[in-house]
C-alpha atoms as a PDB file:
ATOM      1  CA  UNK A   1       0.000   0.000   0.000  1.00  0.00           C
ATOM      2  CA  UNK A   2       2.734   2.448   0.950  1.00  0.00           C
ATOM      3  CA  UNK A   3       4.805   1.583  -2.109  1.00  0.00           C
ATOM      4  CA  UNK A   4       2.130   1.680  -4.778  1.00  0.00           C
ATOM      5  CA  UNK A   5      -0.673   3.913  -3.521  1.00  0.00           C
ATOM      6  CA  UNK A   6       1.209   6.336  -1.293  1.00  0.00           C
ATOM      7  CA  UNK A   7       4.110   6.359  -3.804  1.00  0.00           C
ATOM      8  CA  UNK A   8       6.834   5.907  -1.177  1.00  0.00           C
ATOM      9  CA  UNK A   9      10.254   4.705  -2.238  1.00  0.00           C
ATOM     10  CA  UNK A  10      11.563   1.335  -1.111  1.00  0.00           C
ATOM     11  CA  UNK A  11      13.856   3.139   1.327  1.00  0.00           C
ATOM     12  CA  UNK A  12      11.041   5.296   2.781  1.00  0.00           C
ATOM     13  CA  UNK A  13       8.708   2.318   3.097  1.00  0.00           C
ATOM     14  CA  UNK A  14      11.403   0.264   4.822  1.00  0.00           C
ATOM     15  CA  UNK A  15      12.042   3.092   7.243  1.00  0.00           C
ATOM     16  CA  UNK A  16       8.339   3.610   7.998  1.00  0.00           C
ATOM     17  CA  UNK A  17       7.806  -0.109   8.649  1.00  0.00           C
ATOM     18  CA  UNK A  18      11.198  -0.714  10.281  1.00  0.00           C
ATOM     19  CA  UNK A  19      12.029  -3.414   7.744  1.00  0.00           C
ATOM     20  CA  UNK A  20      14.987  -3.979   5.465  1.00  0.00           C
ATOM     21  CA  UNK A  21      14.752  -2.736   1.895  1.00  0.00           C
ATOM     22  CA  UNK A  22      14.998  -6.349   0.724  1.00  0.00           C
ATOM     23  CA  UNK A  23      11.971  -7.296   2.836  1.00  0.00           C
ATOM     24  CA  UNK A  24       9.946  -4.435   1.344  1.00  0.00           C
ATOM     25  CA  UNK A  25      10.863  -5.546  -2.180  1.00  0.00           C
ATOM     26  CA  UNK A  26       9.941  -9.150  -1.388  1.00  0.00           C
ATOM     27  CA  UNK A  27       6.626  -8.269   0.286  1.00  0.00           C
ATOM     28  CA  UNK A  28       5.749  -5.944  -2.590  1.00  0.00           C
ATOM     29  CA  UNK A  29       6.506  -8.634  -5.185  1.00  0.00           C
ATOM     30  CA  UNK A  30       4.572 -11.269  -3.203  1.00  0.00           C
ATOM     31  CA  UNK A  31       1.588  -8.956  -2.812  1.00  0.00           C
ATOM     32  CA  UNK A  32       1.524  -8.092  -6.513  1.00  0.00           C
ATOM     33  CA  UNK A  33       1.705 -11.792  -7.399  1.00  0.00           C
ATOM     34  CA  UNK A  34      -1.257 -12.583  -5.121  1.00  0.00           C
ATOM     35  CA  UNK A  35      -3.246  -9.629  -6.446  1.00  0.00           C
ATOM     36  CA  UNK A  36      -2.523 -10.670 -10.034  1.00  0.00           C
ATOM     37  CA  UNK A  37      -3.709 -14.200  -9.276  1.00  0.00           C
ATOM     38  CA  UNK A  38      -6.923 -12.907  -7.703  1.00  0.00           C
ATOM     39  CA  UNK A  39      -7.643 -10.476 -10.547  1.00  0.00           C
ATOM     40  CA  UNK A  40      -6.300 -12.574 -13.416  1.00  0.00           C
ATOM     41  CA  UNK A  41      -3.923  -9.787 -14.456  1.00  0.00           C
ATOM     42  CA  UNK A  42      -0.201  -9.244 -14.848  1.00  0.00           C
ATOM     43  CA  UNK A  43       1.407  -6.335 -13.002  1.00  0.00           C
ATOM     44  CA  UNK A  44       4.676  -4.710 -13.906  1.00  0.00           C
ATOM     45  CA  UNK A  45       7.456  -4.898 -11.351  1.00  0.00           C
ATOM     46  CA  UNK A  46       8.849  -1.658 -12.744  1.00  0.00           C
ATOM     47  CA  UNK A  47       9.622   0.925 -10.057  1.00  0.00           C
ATOM     48  CA  UNK A  48       7.565   3.531 -11.928  1.00  0.00           C
ATOM     49  CA  UNK A  49       4.295   1.625 -11.539  1.00  0.00           C
ATOM     50  CA  UNK A  50       1.505   4.084 -10.756  1.00  0.00           C
ATOM     51  CA  UNK A  51      -2.010   3.315  -9.581  1.00  0.00           C
ATOM     52  CA  UNK A  52      -4.709   5.637 -10.880  1.00  0.00           C
ATOM     53  CA  UNK A  53      -8.183   5.244  -9.374  1.00  0.00           C
ATOM     54  CA  UNK A  54     -11.033   5.231 -11.855  1.00  0.00           C
ATOM     55  CA  UNK A  55     -14.644   6.154 -11.305  1.00  0.00           C
ATOM     56  CA  UNK A  56     -17.279   3.922 -12.803  1.00  0.00           C
ATOM     57  CA  UNK A  57     -20.742   5.236 -13.407  1.00  0.00           C
ATOM     58  CA  UNK A  58     -23.929   3.339 -13.849  1.00  0.00           C
ATOM     59  CA  UNK A  59     -25.631   3.648 -17.216  1.00  0.00           C
ATOM     60  CA  UNK A  60     -28.963   2.376 -15.881  1.00  0.00           C
ATOM     61  CA  UNK A  61     -29.495   5.349 -13.570  1.00  0.00           C
ATOM     62  CA  UNK A  62     -29.237   3.130 -10.510  1.00  0.00           C
ATOM     63  CA  UNK A  63     -32.161   0.887 -11.505  1.00  0.00           C
ATOM     64  CA  UNK A  64     -32.331  -2.483  -9.834  1.00  0.00           C
ATOM     65  CA  UNK A  65     -30.933  -1.357  -6.504  1.00  0.00           C
END
């Protein structure tokens, strides 16, 4: 979460969580792998990965709720 959403560096994330930089890299990679498996996607392990929230709107005007 800190790495990808809050856009913290590996070093800053490690410092905030009191972990080694290697542990942050490993946990980030493991988390992305699990998320990919759950979503059926493939994430980049590139350090410049950015997450941009999208807003979805209903085209039925909210019918059926």
